[in-house]
C-alpha atoms as a PDB file:
ATOM      1  CA  MET A   1      27.314  14.569  13.723  1.00  0.00           C
ATOM      2  CA  LYS A   2      27.245  14.957  17.486  1.00  0.00           C
ATOM      3  CA  THR A   3      25.249  12.567  19.635  1.00  0.00           C
ATOM      4  CA  VAL A   4      24.419  12.425  23.333  1.00  0.00           C
ATOM      5  CA  SER A   5      25.011   8.923  24.676  1.00  0.00           C
ATOM      6  CA  GLY A   6      24.121   7.635  21.220  1.00  0.00           C
ATOM      7  CA  LYS A   7      20.423   8.156  21.961  1.00  0.00           C
ATOM      8  CA  TYR A   8      19.931  11.712  20.749  1.00  0.00           C
ATOM      9  CA  ILE A   9      21.300  13.478  17.664  1.00  0.00           C
ATOM     10  CA  LEU A  10      22.143  17.166  17.917  1.00  0.00           C
ATOM     11  CA  PRO A  11      22.083  19.223  14.712  1.00  0.00           C
ATOM     12  CA  ASP A  12      25.483  20.212  13.341  1.00  0.00           C
ATOM     13  CA  TRP A  13      24.342  23.635  12.189  1.00  0.00           C
ATOM     14  CA  PRO A  14      25.380  27.214  12.937  1.00  0.00           C
ATOM     15  CA  ALA A  15      22.235  28.026  14.898  1.00  0.00           C
ATOM     16  CA  VAL A  16      22.214  30.819  17.436  1.00  0.00           C
ATOM     17  CA  PRO A  17      22.989  29.718  21.012  1.00  0.00           C
ATOM     18  CA  HIS A  18      19.460  30.020  22.420  1.00  0.00           C
ATOM     19  CA  ILE A  19      17.926  27.783  19.751  1.00  0.00           C
ATOM     20  CA  LYS A  20      17.680  24.200  21.038  1.00  0.00           C
ATOM     21  CA  ALA A  21      17.127  21.249  18.704  1.00  0.00           C
ATOM     22  CA  VAL A  22      17.419  17.449  18.777  1.00  0.00           C
ATOM     23  CA  SER A  23      16.395  14.294  16.924  1.00  0.00           C
ATOM     24  CA  THR A  24      15.629  11.074  18.780  1.00  0.00           C
ATOM     25  CA  THR A  25      16.615   7.528  17.847  1.00  0.00           C
ATOM     26  CA  ARG A  26      14.791   4.285  18.709  1.00  0.00           C
ATOM     27  CA  LEU A  27      17.194   3.604  21.595  1.00  0.00           C
ATOM     28  CA  GLY A  28      16.529   3.599  25.323  1.00  0.00           C
ATOM     29  CA  GLY A  29      12.760   3.424  25.728  1.00  0.00           C
ATOM     30  CA  CYS A  30      10.284   0.903  27.135  1.00  0.00           C
ATOM     31  CA  SER A  31       8.171  -0.112  24.115  1.00  0.00           C
ATOM     32  CA  GLU A  32       8.226  -3.759  23.063  1.00  0.00           C
ATOM     33  CA  LYS A  33       8.746  -5.246  19.591  1.00  0.00           C
ATOM     34  CA  PRO A  34       8.153  -4.128  16.888  1.00  0.00           C
ATOM     35  CA  TYR A  35       8.141  -0.669  18.510  1.00  0.00           C
ATOM     36  CA  ASP A  36      11.273  -1.256  20.521  1.00  0.00           C
ATOM     37  CA  SER A  37      12.029   0.772  22.229  1.00  0.00           C
ATOM     38  CA  PHE A  38      11.815   4.580  22.261  1.00  0.00           C
ATOM     39  CA  ASN A  39       8.641   4.928  20.202  1.00  0.00           C
ATOM     40  CA  LEU A  40       6.990   8.350  20.507  1.00  0.00           C
ATOM     41  CA  GLY A  41       4.035   7.793  18.152  1.00  0.00           C
ATOM     42  CA  VAL A  42       0.582   7.139  19.580  1.00  0.00           C
ATOM     43  CA  HIS A  43      -0.918   6.227  16.202  1.00  0.00           C
ATOM     44  CA  VAL A  44       1.119   3.087  15.414  1.00  0.00           C
ATOM     45  CA  ASN A  45      -0.730   0.532  17.619  1.00  0.00           C
ATOM     46  CA  ASP A  46       1.874   0.550  20.381  1.00  0.00           C
ATOM     47  CA  ASN A  47       0.736   0.215  24.004  1.00  0.00           C
ATOM     48  CA  PRO A  48      -0.417   3.778  24.939  1.00  0.00           C
ATOM     49  CA  GLU A  49       1.134   3.451  28.406  1.00  0.00           C
ATOM     50  CA  PHE A  50       4.539   2.713  26.885  1.00  0.00           C
ATOM     51  CA  VAL A  51       4.260   5.708  24.561  1.00  0.00           C
ATOM     52  CA  GLU A  52       3.298   7.969  27.457  1.00  0.00           C
ATOM     53  CA  ALA A  53       6.250   6.685  29.479  1.00  0.00           C
ATOM     54  CA  ASN A  54       8.604   7.316  26.541  1.00  0.00           C
ATOM     55  CA  ARG A  55       7.256  10.837  26.093  1.00  0.00           C
ATOM     56  CA  ASN A  56       7.693  11.544  29.802  1.00  0.00           C
ATOM     57  CA  GLN A  57      11.236  10.215  29.573  1.00  0.00           C
ATOM     58  CA  LEU A  58      11.895  12.551  26.643  1.00  0.00           C
ATOM     59  CA  LEU A  59      10.599  15.484  28.660  1.00  0.00           C
ATOM     60  CA  GLN A  60      12.791  14.663  31.643  1.00  0.00           C
ATOM     61  CA  GLU A  61      16.005  13.613  29.885  1.00  0.00           C
ATOM     62  CA  LEU A  62      16.113  16.680  27.656  1.00  0.00           C
ATOM     63  CA  GLN A  63      14.763  18.956  30.405  1.00  0.00           C
ATOM     64  CA  LEU A  64      12.248  20.346  27.943  1.00  0.00           C
ATOM     65  CA  PRO A  65      10.570  23.606  29.012  1.00  0.00           C
ATOM     66  CA  ALA A  66       7.159  22.128  28.127  1.00  0.00           C
ATOM     67  CA  ALA A  67       5.580  19.058  26.554  1.00  0.00           C
ATOM     68  CA  PRO A  68       6.092  19.031  22.770  1.00  0.00           C
ATOM     69  CA  LYS A  69       3.288  20.134  20.443  1.00  0.00           C
ATOM     70  CA  TRP A  70       2.576  16.842  18.669  1.00  0.00           C
ATOM     71  CA  LEU A  71       1.092  17.214  15.196  1.00  0.00           C
ATOM     72  CA  ASP A  72      -1.438  14.932  13.517  1.00  0.00           C
ATOM     73  CA  GLN A  73       0.564  14.581  10.293  1.00  0.00           C
ATOM     74  CA  VAL A  74      -1.456  13.914   7.139  1.00  0.00           C
ATOM     75  CA  HIS A  75       1.070  14.364   4.288  1.00  0.00           C
ATOM     76  CA  GLY A  76      -0.465  17.749   3.481  1.00  0.00           C
ATOM     77  CA  ILE A  77       1.006  21.259   3.245  1.00  0.00           C
ATOM     78  CA  GLU A  78      -0.718  22.946   6.200  1.00  0.00           C
ATOM     79  CA  LEU A  79       1.458  25.207   8.381  1.00  0.00           C
ATOM     80  CA  VAL A  80       0.121  26.102  11.836  1.00  0.00           C
ATOM     81  CA  TYR A  81       1.255  28.615  14.433  1.00  0.00           C
ATOM     82  CA  CYS A  82       1.810  27.304  17.954  1.00  0.00           C
ATOM     83  CA  ASP A  83       2.112  28.996  21.329  1.00  0.00           C
ATOM     84  CA  GLN A  84       1.955  27.663  24.852  1.00  0.00           C
ATOM     85  CA  ALA A  85      -1.850  27.519  24.717  1.00  0.00           C
ATOM     86  CA  SER A  86      -1.961  25.490  21.498  1.00  0.00           C
ATOM     87  CA  MET A  87      -3.443  22.044  21.831  1.00  0.00           C
ATOM     88  CA  GLY A  88      -1.613  18.957  20.622  1.00  0.00           C
ATOM     89  CA  GLY A  89      -2.912  16.851  17.767  1.00  0.00           C
ATOM     90  CA  LEU A  90      -3.196  19.739  15.317  1.00  0.00           C
ATOM     91  CA  SER A  91      -3.836  18.424  11.814  1.00  0.00           C
ATOM     92  CA  ALA A  92      -0.817  19.782   9.938  1.00  0.00           C
ATOM     93  CA  ASP A  93       2.580  18.810   8.593  1.00  0.00           C
ATOM     94  CA  ALA A  94       4.430  21.979   9.582  1.00  0.00           C
ATOM     95  CA  ALA A  95       4.417  24.302  12.578  1.00  0.00           C
ATOM     96  CA  TRP A  96       6.158  27.487  13.680  1.00  0.00           C
ATOM     97  CA  THR A  97       6.443  29.651  16.760  1.00  0.00           C
ATOM     98  CA  ASP A  98       8.023  32.844  18.032  1.00  0.00           C
ATOM     99  CA  GLN A  99       7.304  31.980  21.667  1.00  0.00           C
ATOM    100  CA  PRO A 100      10.215  30.951  23.944  1.00  0.00           C
ATOM    101  CA  GLY A 101       9.669  27.584  25.620  1.00  0.00           C
ATOM    102  CA  CYS A 102       7.151  26.326  23.047  1.00  0.00           C
ATOM    103  CA  VAL A 103       8.537  22.964  21.841  1.00  0.00           C
ATOM    104  CA  LEU A 104       7.700  22.085  18.231  1.00  0.00           C
ATOM    105  CA  SER A 105       7.906  18.489  17.061  1.00  0.00           C
ATOM    106  CA  VAL A 106       7.655  16.377  13.939  1.00  0.00           C
ATOM    107  CA  MET A 107       7.541  12.565  13.909  1.00  0.00           C
ATOM    108  CA  THR A 108       9.151  10.432  11.205  1.00  0.00           C
ATOM    109  CA  ALA A 109      10.179   6.893  10.301  1.00  0.00           C
ATOM    110  CA  ASP A 110      11.692   7.426   6.806  1.00  0.00           C
ATOM    111  CA  CYS A 111      10.207  10.801   5.840  1.00  0.00           C
ATOM    112  CA  LEU A 112      12.501  13.804   6.226  1.00  0.00           C
ATOM    113  CA  PRO A 113      12.317  15.932   9.395  1.00  0.00           C
ATOM    114  CA  VAL A 114      13.216  19.543   8.582  1.00  0.00           C
ATOM    115  CA  LEU A 115      14.077  22.038  11.318  1.00  0.00           C
ATOM    116  CA  LEU A 116      14.217  25.778  10.596  1.00  0.00           C
ATOM    117  CA  ALA A 117      15.435  28.719  12.668  1.00  0.00           C
ATOM    118  CA  SER A 118      15.925  32.408  11.978  1.00  0.00           C
ATOM    119  CA  GLU A 119      19.431  33.821  12.323  1.00  0.00           C
ATOM    120  CA  SER A 120      18.132  36.190  14.981  1.00  0.00           C
ATOM    121  CA  GLY A 121      16.779  33.261  16.997  1.00  0.00           C
ATOM    122  CA  ASP A 122      13.230  34.559  17.333  1.00  0.00           C
ATOM    123  CA  ILE A 123      11.488  32.169  14.896  1.00  0.00           C
ATOM    124  CA  VAL A 124      11.622  28.347  14.724  1.00  0.00           C
ATOM    125  CA  ALA A 125       9.691  25.845  12.633  1.00  0.00           C
ATOM    126  CA  VAL A 126       9.377  22.128  11.878  1.00  0.00           C
ATOM    127  CA  VAL A 127       8.307  20.405   8.657  1.00  0.00           C
ATOM    128  CA  HIS A 128       7.346  16.786   7.940  1.00  0.00           C
ATOM    129  CA  GLY A 129       9.014  16.198   4.574  1.00  0.00           C
ATOM    130  CA  GLY A 130       7.391  13.213   2.934  1.00  0.00           C
ATOM    131  CA  TRP A 131       7.575  13.057  -0.857  1.00  0.00           C
ATOM    132  CA  ARG A 132       3.901  14.012  -1.227  1.00  0.00           C
ATOM    133  CA  GLY A 133       4.347  17.128   0.834  1.00  0.00           C
ATOM    134  CA  LEU A 134       7.570  18.012  -0.963  1.00  0.00           C
ATOM    135  CA  VAL A 135       6.046  17.686  -4.428  1.00  0.00           C
ATOM    136  CA  ASP A 136       3.061  19.780  -3.298  1.00  0.00           C
ATOM    137  CA  GLY A 137       5.375  22.545  -2.059  1.00  0.00           C
ATOM    138  CA  ILE A 138       5.245  22.321   1.728  1.00  0.00           C
ATOM    139  CA  LEU A 139       8.782  23.672   2.142  1.00  0.00           C
ATOM    140  CA  GLN A 140       8.277  26.596  -0.234  1.00  0.00           C
ATOM    141  CA  LYS A 141       4.923  27.397   1.412  1.00  0.00           C
ATOM    142  CA  THR A 142       6.460  27.276   4.897  1.00  0.00           C
ATOM    143  CA  VAL A 143       9.333  29.560   3.904  1.00  0.00           C
ATOM    144  CA  ALA A 144       6.921  31.993   2.232  1.00  0.00           C
ATOM    145  CA  GLU A 145       4.595  32.149   5.241  1.00  0.00           C
ATOM    146  CA  LEU A 146       7.207  32.559   7.973  1.00  0.00           C
ATOM    147  CA  PRO A 147       7.723  36.203   9.067  1.00  0.00           C
ATOM    148  CA  VAL A 148      11.427  36.127   8.195  1.00  0.00           C
ATOM    149  CA  LEU A 149      13.365  36.581   4.965  1.00  0.00           C
ATOM    150  CA  PRO A 150      14.374  33.256   3.326  1.00  0.00           C
ATOM    151  CA  GLY A 151      18.030  34.270   3.308  1.00  0.00           C
ATOM    152  CA  ALA A 152      17.923  34.688   7.085  1.00  0.00           C
ATOM    153  CA  LEU A 153      16.763  31.114   7.714  1.00  0.00           C
ATOM    154  CA  ARG A 154      18.985  28.241   8.820  1.00  0.00           C
ATOM    155  CA  VAL A 155      17.794  24.735   8.038  1.00  0.00           C
ATOM    156  CA  TRP A 156      18.797  21.266   9.240  1.00  0.00           C
ATOM    157  CA  PHE A 157      17.788  17.890   7.839  1.00  0.00           C
ATOM    158  CA  GLY A 158      17.394  15.007  10.280  1.00  0.00           C
ATOM    159  CA  PRO A 159      17.612  11.265   9.539  1.00  0.00           C
ATOM    160  CA  ALA A 160      15.500   9.929   6.645  1.00  0.00           C
ATOM    161  CA  ILE A 161      15.483   7.130   4.106  1.00  0.00           C
ATOM    162  CA  GLY A 162      18.660   7.298   2.041  1.00  0.00           C
ATOM    163  CA  PRO A 163      18.966   7.497  -1.754  1.00  0.00           C
ATOM    164  CA  ALA A 164      20.130   3.877  -2.040  1.00  0.00           C
ATOM    165  CA  SER A 165      16.904   2.627  -0.395  1.00  0.00           C
ATOM    166  CA  PHE A 166      14.178   5.040  -1.513  1.00  0.00           C
ATOM    167  CA  GLU A 167      12.827   3.239  -4.573  1.00  0.00           C
ATOM    168  CA  VAL A 168       9.811   4.926  -6.189  1.00  0.00           C
ATOM    169  CA  GLY A 169       7.707   4.494  -9.304  1.00  0.00           C
ATOM    170  CA  SER A 170       8.085   6.639 -12.386  1.00  0.00           C
ATOM    171  CA  GLU A 171       4.925   8.536 -11.399  1.00  0.00           C
ATOM    172  CA  VAL A 172       6.743  10.016  -8.384  1.00  0.00           C
ATOM    173  CA  ARG A 173       9.635  11.188 -10.554  1.00  0.00           C
ATOM    174  CA  GLU A 174       7.212  12.639 -13.107  1.00  0.00           C
ATOM    175  CA  ALA A 175       5.294  14.491 -10.395  1.00  0.00           C
ATOM    176  CA  PHE A 176       8.466  16.322  -9.385  1.00  0.00           C
ATOM    177  CA  LEU A 177       9.642  16.941 -12.957  1.00  0.00           C
ATOM    178  CA  ASN A 178       6.240  18.396 -13.789  1.00  0.00           C
ATOM    179  CA  GLN A 179       6.906  20.955 -11.072  1.00  0.00           C
ATOM    180  CA  ASN A 180      10.476  21.789 -12.076  1.00  0.00           C
ATOM    181  CA  SER A 181      13.155  20.168 -14.235  1.00  0.00           C
ATOM    182  CA  ILE A 182      15.685  20.990 -11.517  1.00  0.00           C
ATOM    183  CA  PHE A 183      14.619  17.738  -9.790  1.00  0.00           C
ATOM    184  CA  GLN A 184      16.103  15.660 -12.625  1.00  0.00           C
ATOM    185  CA  ASP A 185      19.316  14.955 -10.696  1.00  0.00           C
ATOM    186  CA  CYS A 186      17.372  13.621  -7.680  1.00  0.00           C
ATOM    187  CA  PHE A 187      16.456  10.355  -9.411  1.00  0.00           C
ATOM    188  CA  ILE A 188      18.518   7.524 -10.874  1.00  0.00           C
ATOM    189  CA  PRO A 189      17.076   4.472 -12.656  1.00  0.00           C
ATOM    190  CA  SER A 190      16.689   1.420 -10.437  1.00  0.00           C
ATOM    191  CA  SER A 191      18.765  -1.615 -11.303  1.00  0.00           C
ATOM    192  CA  LEU A 192      16.193  -3.785  -9.502  1.00  0.00           C
ATOM    193  CA  ALA A 193      13.038  -3.110 -11.493  1.00  0.00           C
ATOM    194  CA  ALA A 194      11.941  -1.528 -14.751  1.00  0.00           C
ATOM    195  CA  ASP A 195      10.143   1.820 -14.522  1.00  0.00           C
ATOM    196  CA  LYS A 196      11.462   2.356 -10.988  1.00  0.00           C
ATOM    197  CA  TYR A 197      13.864   4.985  -9.684  1.00  0.00           C
ATOM    198  CA  PHE A 198      15.901   5.672  -6.582  1.00  0.00           C
ATOM    199  CA  GLY A 199      15.040   9.081  -5.184  1.00  0.00           C
ATOM    200  CA  ASN A 200      17.198  11.333  -3.024  1.00  0.00           C
ATOM    201  CA  ILE A 201      14.828  12.932  -0.518  1.00  0.00           C
ATOM    202  CA  PHE A 202      17.604  15.105   0.940  1.00  0.00           C
ATOM    203  CA  LYS A 203      18.403  16.572  -2.474  1.00  0.00           C
ATOM    204  CA  LEU A 204      14.712  16.988  -3.313  1.00  0.00           C
ATOM    205  CA  ALA A 205      14.222  19.034  -0.137  1.00  0.00           C
ATOM    206  CA  GLU A 206      17.389  21.049  -0.760  1.00  0.00           C
ATOM    207  CA  HIS A 207      16.182  21.998  -4.244  1.00  0.00           C
ATOM    208  CA  CYS A 208      12.816  23.044  -2.801  1.00  0.00           C
ATOM    209  CA  LEU A 209      14.484  25.249  -0.208  1.00  0.00           C
ATOM    210  CA  ARG A 210      17.010  26.833  -2.556  1.00  0.00           C
ATOM    211  CA  ASN A 211      14.194  27.516  -5.003  1.00  0.00           C
ATOM    212  CA  ALA A 212      12.477  29.372  -2.149  1.00  0.00           C
ATOM    213  CA  GLY A 213      15.570  31.481  -1.425  1.00  0.00           C
ATOM    214  CA  VAL A 214      17.080  29.507   1.466  1.00  0.00           C
ATOM    215  CA  THR A 215      20.856  29.052   1.257  1.00  0.00           C
ATOM    216  CA  GLN A 216      21.952  27.919   4.750  1.00  0.00           C
ATOM    217  CA  ILE A 217      21.233  24.185   4.766  1.00  0.00           C
ATOM    218  CA  SER A 218      22.909  21.566   6.985  1.00  0.00           C
ATOM    219  CA  GLY A 219      22.461  17.915   7.934  1.00  0.00           C
ATOM    220  CA  GLY A 220      21.123  15.070   5.837  1.00  0.00           C
ATOM    221  CA  GLY A 221      22.838  11.868   4.836  1.00  0.00           C
ATOM    222  CA  ILE A 222      21.767   9.696   7.775  1.00  0.00           C
ATOM    223  CA  CYS A 223      19.689   6.761   6.459  1.00  0.00           C
ATOM    224  CA  THR A 224      16.897   5.366   8.621  1.00  0.00           C
ATOM    225  CA  PHE A 225      16.357   2.327   6.372  1.00  0.00           C
ATOM    226  CA  ASN A 226      19.929   1.006   6.622  1.00  0.00           C
ATOM    227  CA  ASP A 227      20.437   1.485  10.365  1.00  0.00           C
ATOM    228  CA  LYS A 228      17.951  -0.839  12.054  1.00  0.00           C
ATOM    229  CA  LYS A 229      19.736  -0.593  15.392  1.00  0.00           C
ATOM    230  CA  ARG A 230      19.235   3.162  15.701  1.00  0.00           C
ATOM    231  CA  PHE A 231      16.179   4.030  13.627  1.00  0.00           C
ATOM    232  CA  PHE A 232      12.613   3.033  12.898  1.00  0.00           C
ATOM    233  CA  SER A 233      11.863   2.615   9.183  1.00  0.00           C
ATOM    234  CA  HIS A 234       8.305   2.382   7.877  1.00  0.00           C
ATOM    235  CA  ARG A 235       9.442   0.924   4.563  1.00  0.00           C
ATOM    236  CA  ARG A 236      11.988  -1.553   5.929  1.00  0.00           C
ATOM    237  CA  ASP A 237       9.617  -2.840   8.595  1.00  0.00           C
ATOM    238  CA  HIS A 238       6.532  -2.887   6.319  1.00  0.00           C
ATOM    239  CA  GLY A 239       4.638  -0.357   8.413  1.00  0.00           C
ATOM    240  CA  ALA A 240       4.936  -2.187  11.741  1.00  0.00           C
ATOM    241  CA  THR A 241       7.298   0.195  13.485  1.00  0.00           C
ATOM    242  CA  GLY A 242       7.566   3.193  15.810  1.00  0.00           C
ATOM    243  CA  ARG A 243       8.323   6.870  15.278  1.00  0.00           C
ATOM    244  CA  MET A 244      11.270   9.108  16.077  1.00  0.00           C
ATOM    245  CA  ALA A 245      10.801  12.802  16.846  1.00  0.00           C
ATOM    246  CA  SER A 246      12.717  15.919  15.853  1.00  0.00           C
ATOM    247  CA  LEU A 247      12.240  18.853  18.204  1.00  0.00           C
ATOM    248  CA  ILE A 248      13.117  22.551  18.195  1.00  0.00           C
ATOM    249  CA  TRP A 249      12.426  25.401  20.617  1.00  0.00           C
ATOM    250  CA  ILE A 250      13.601  28.835  21.640  1.00  0.00           C
ATOM    251  CA  SER A 251      15.228  28.751  25.047  1.00  0.00           C
ATOM    252  CA  SER A 252      13.359  30.931  27.521  1.00  0.00           C
ATOM    253  CA  SER A 253      16.607  31.771  29.291  1.00  0.00           C
ATOM    254  CA  HIS A 254      18.127  33.946  26.544  1.00  0.00           C
END
């Protein structure tokens, strides 16, 4: 996994040259504890001035072509189309665009950020992959609604809670198994509590995508929960924490 000064993570995927993508860490911002320091979420009770400063820093350091389209994520399965005129704060958990210079974003702090790009480089998308959205089919719905064949999509998973830390109740496992028995291998019984399981959110998402016809999948394996220095974690920090962002856009210079 390539990083830029340790602060930003660049996807290790075979995307076409004019597709730009990055995931942020918690490093190098101005927010104070418990949001220290590069918090990009306005909805977590951080000082709004600090968040605005961090977002401006993001814009400048990455030389983004425009301010990101920030979603109001609700753990649903809504996919919205964005262009330069789209307003921020759209209530959705997935977004796509075919417009160069339109920066899509998804914010996470344990949930899985999923970036998608067409092989031809003319379509990009982001998905907020929480377990509720995954079990309800947000990835399959996104793939089905994008104007590109599933086999021509390239997908990258950003940092999320790892399988050794994502303990869930049996009802979560049953919800997935009720959808498809293929999810069986995504859960192992917890040694810490009866009727609990450890879930693998990366594998859950991969099964969803492969079931939808996507075969080119990269990334995953970076745990937000276990790396307190680099990542916010909603579960580890009991909700009092910031948000990272994963961004993707089509370069307007191609």
